[in-house]
Amino acid sequence: MHVLIVENDPRDCELLVHALTGVGLRATCAATDLDAYAAMAAEPFDALVTDIDLGAGTTGFDVARQARRTWPDLPVIYMTGLDLETARHAVAGSVALPKSGDYAELAGRIAETLGRAR
């Protein structure tokens, strides 16, 4: 399964890619919304994991809406350090997970969520 991760903090993205690889997923990182849109135009993905607050540009909500225009059934997982109440803006059928410093745990929860989505 190939996962697109959208995370504006390069260190967080690198750690999450490593953790997802450790649970048997292939992961590609995009640091901005524009990088994510370019990645989605270049190849298909099996799932999207996106931070909600991407700093400059659009939000993870916008990235997910764009991804769903191309792949309507794409599993979407939002990860955020913000209050999960912000996830009310999420695309239908998505999941919101709290961000933490434990990337192995987060990767396990993402893999578990994606396993249920298959």
Protein backbone atom coordinates (compact mmCIF):
# COMPACT_ATOMS: atom_id res chain seq x y z
CA MET A 1 0.00 0.00 0.00
CA HIS A 2 1.42 3.40 -1.03
CA VAL A 3 0.58 6.27 1.31
CA LEU A 4 0.97 9.97 0.59
CA ILE A 5 1.92 11.86 3.75
CA VAL A 6 1.41 15.62 3.77
CA GLU A 7 3.36 17.18 6.65
CA ASN A 8 5.03 20.58 6.67
CA ASP A 9 7.62 19.66 9.31
CA PRO A 10 10.41 17.78 7.46
CA ARG A 11 11.60 15.97 10.61
CA ASP A 12 8.09 14.77 11.47
CA CYS A 13 7.58 13.60 7.91
CA GLU A 14 10.87 11.71 7.84
CA LEU A 15 10.08 9.99 11.14
CA LEU A 16 6.59 9.07 10.00
CA VAL A 17 7.84 7.69 6.67
CA HIS A 18 10.34 5.55 8.59
CA ALA A 19 7.65 4.34 11.01
CA LEU A 20 5.17 3.51 8.22
CA THR A 21 7.86 1.63 6.32
CA GLY A 22 8.44 -0.32 9.51
CA VAL A 23 4.82 -1.53 9.50
CA GLY A 24 5.00 -2.60 5.85
CA LEU A 25 3.62 0.45 4.08
CA ARG A 26 5.31 2.43 1.32
CA ALA A 27 5.24 6.17 2.01
CA THR A 28 5.95 9.33 0.06
CA CYS A 29 6.16 12.69 1.78
CA ALA A 30 4.95 16.06 0.56
CA ALA A 31 5.93 19.13 2.60
CA THR A 32 3.32 21.53 1.21
CA ASP A 33 -0.08 21.49 -0.36
CA LEU A 34 1.50 22.23 -3.76
CA ASP A 35 3.93 19.32 -3.34
CA ALA A 36 0.96 17.09 -2.49
CA TYR A 37 -0.99 18.20 -5.56
CA ALA A 38 2.07 17.54 -7.76
CA ALA A 39 2.59 14.09 -6.22
CA MET A 40 -1.08 13.19 -6.75
CA ALA A 41 -0.86 14.28 -10.38
CA ALA A 42 2.26 12.16 -10.92
CA GLU A 43 1.08 8.83 -9.50
CA PRO A 44 -1.81 7.11 -7.73
CA PHE A 45 -1.84 6.55 -3.99
CA ASP A 46 -3.74 4.03 -1.90
CA ALA A 47 -4.24 6.37 1.05
CA LEU A 48 -3.67 9.94 2.21
CA VAL A 49 -2.34 10.87 5.65
CA THR A 50 -2.31 14.63 6.11
CA ASP A 51 -1.65 17.13 8.82
CA ILE A 52 -4.50 19.62 9.06
CA ASP A 53 -2.39 22.74 9.62
CA LEU A 54 0.13 22.88 6.79
CA GLY A 55 1.42 26.35 7.60
CA ALA A 56 1.37 28.43 4.40
CA GLY A 57 -1.03 27.56 1.59
CA THR A 58 -4.16 25.52 1.93
CA THR A 59 -5.03 23.07 4.71
CA GLY A 60 -5.05 19.30 4.90
CA PHE A 61 -8.82 19.53 4.46
CA ASP A 62 -8.27 21.12 1.04
CA VAL A 63 -5.67 18.52 0.06
CA ALA A 64 -8.08 15.73 1.01
CA ARG A 65 -10.95 17.25 -0.98
CA GLN A 66 -8.69 17.49 -4.04
CA ALA A 67 -7.51 13.90 -3.59
CA ARG A 68 -11.09 12.67 -3.34
CA ARG A 69 -11.95 14.41 -6.63
CA THR A 70 -9.48 12.05 -8.30
CA TRP A 71 -9.98 8.98 -6.09
CA PRO A 72 -13.48 9.15 -4.50
CA ASP A 73 -12.88 6.09 -2.28
CA LEU A 74 -9.39 7.07 -1.12
CA PRO A 75 -8.91 6.44 2.62
CA VAL A 76 -8.05 9.73 4.32
CA ILE A 77 -6.48 10.04 7.74
CA TYR A 78 -5.98 13.44 9.28
CA MET A 79 -3.34 13.82 11.95
CA THR A 80 -3.24 16.92 14.05
CA GLY A 81 -1.89 18.51 17.16
CA LEU A 82 -5.00 20.69 17.14
CA ASP A 83 -8.24 19.90 18.90
CA LEU A 84 -9.87 17.00 17.06
CA GLU A 85 -13.06 19.12 16.92
CA THR A 86 -11.47 20.84 13.90
CA ALA A 87 -12.00 17.54 12.06
CA ARG A 88 -15.65 18.50 11.53
CA HIS A 89 -14.37 19.96 8.22
CA ALA A 90 -13.11 16.56 7.13
CA VAL A 91 -14.14 14.63 4.04
CA ALA A 92 -16.76 11.93 4.57
CA GLY A 93 -15.53 8.63 5.95
CA SER A 94 -12.18 9.98 7.07
CA VAL A 95 -10.47 9.42 10.41
CA ALA A 96 -8.71 11.97 12.63
CA LEU A 97 -5.83 10.88 14.84
CA PRO A 98 -4.02 13.02 17.40
CA LYS A 99 -0.38 13.73 16.62
CA SER A 100 2.09 12.65 19.21
CA GLY A 101 5.83 12.21 19.42
CA ASP A 102 5.41 8.43 19.28
CA TYR A 103 5.63 7.76 15.54
CA ALA A 104 5.67 3.98 15.92
CA GLU A 105 2.32 4.15 17.72
CA LEU A 106 0.92 6.58 15.16
CA ALA A 107 2.12 4.35 12.30
CA GLY A 108 0.47 1.36 13.94
CA ARG A 109 -2.80 3.24 14.28
CA ILE A 110 -2.60 4.38 10.65
CA ALA A 111 -1.89 0.82 9.44
CA GLU A 112 -4.78 -0.50 11.56
CA THR A 113 -7.14 2.16 10.19
CA LEU A 114 -6.09 1.43 6.61
CA GLY A 115 -6.53 -2.32 7.18
CA ARG A 116 -10.14 -1.68 8.15
CA ALA A 117 -10.64 0.55 5.10
CA ARG A 118 -9.63 -2.16 2.60
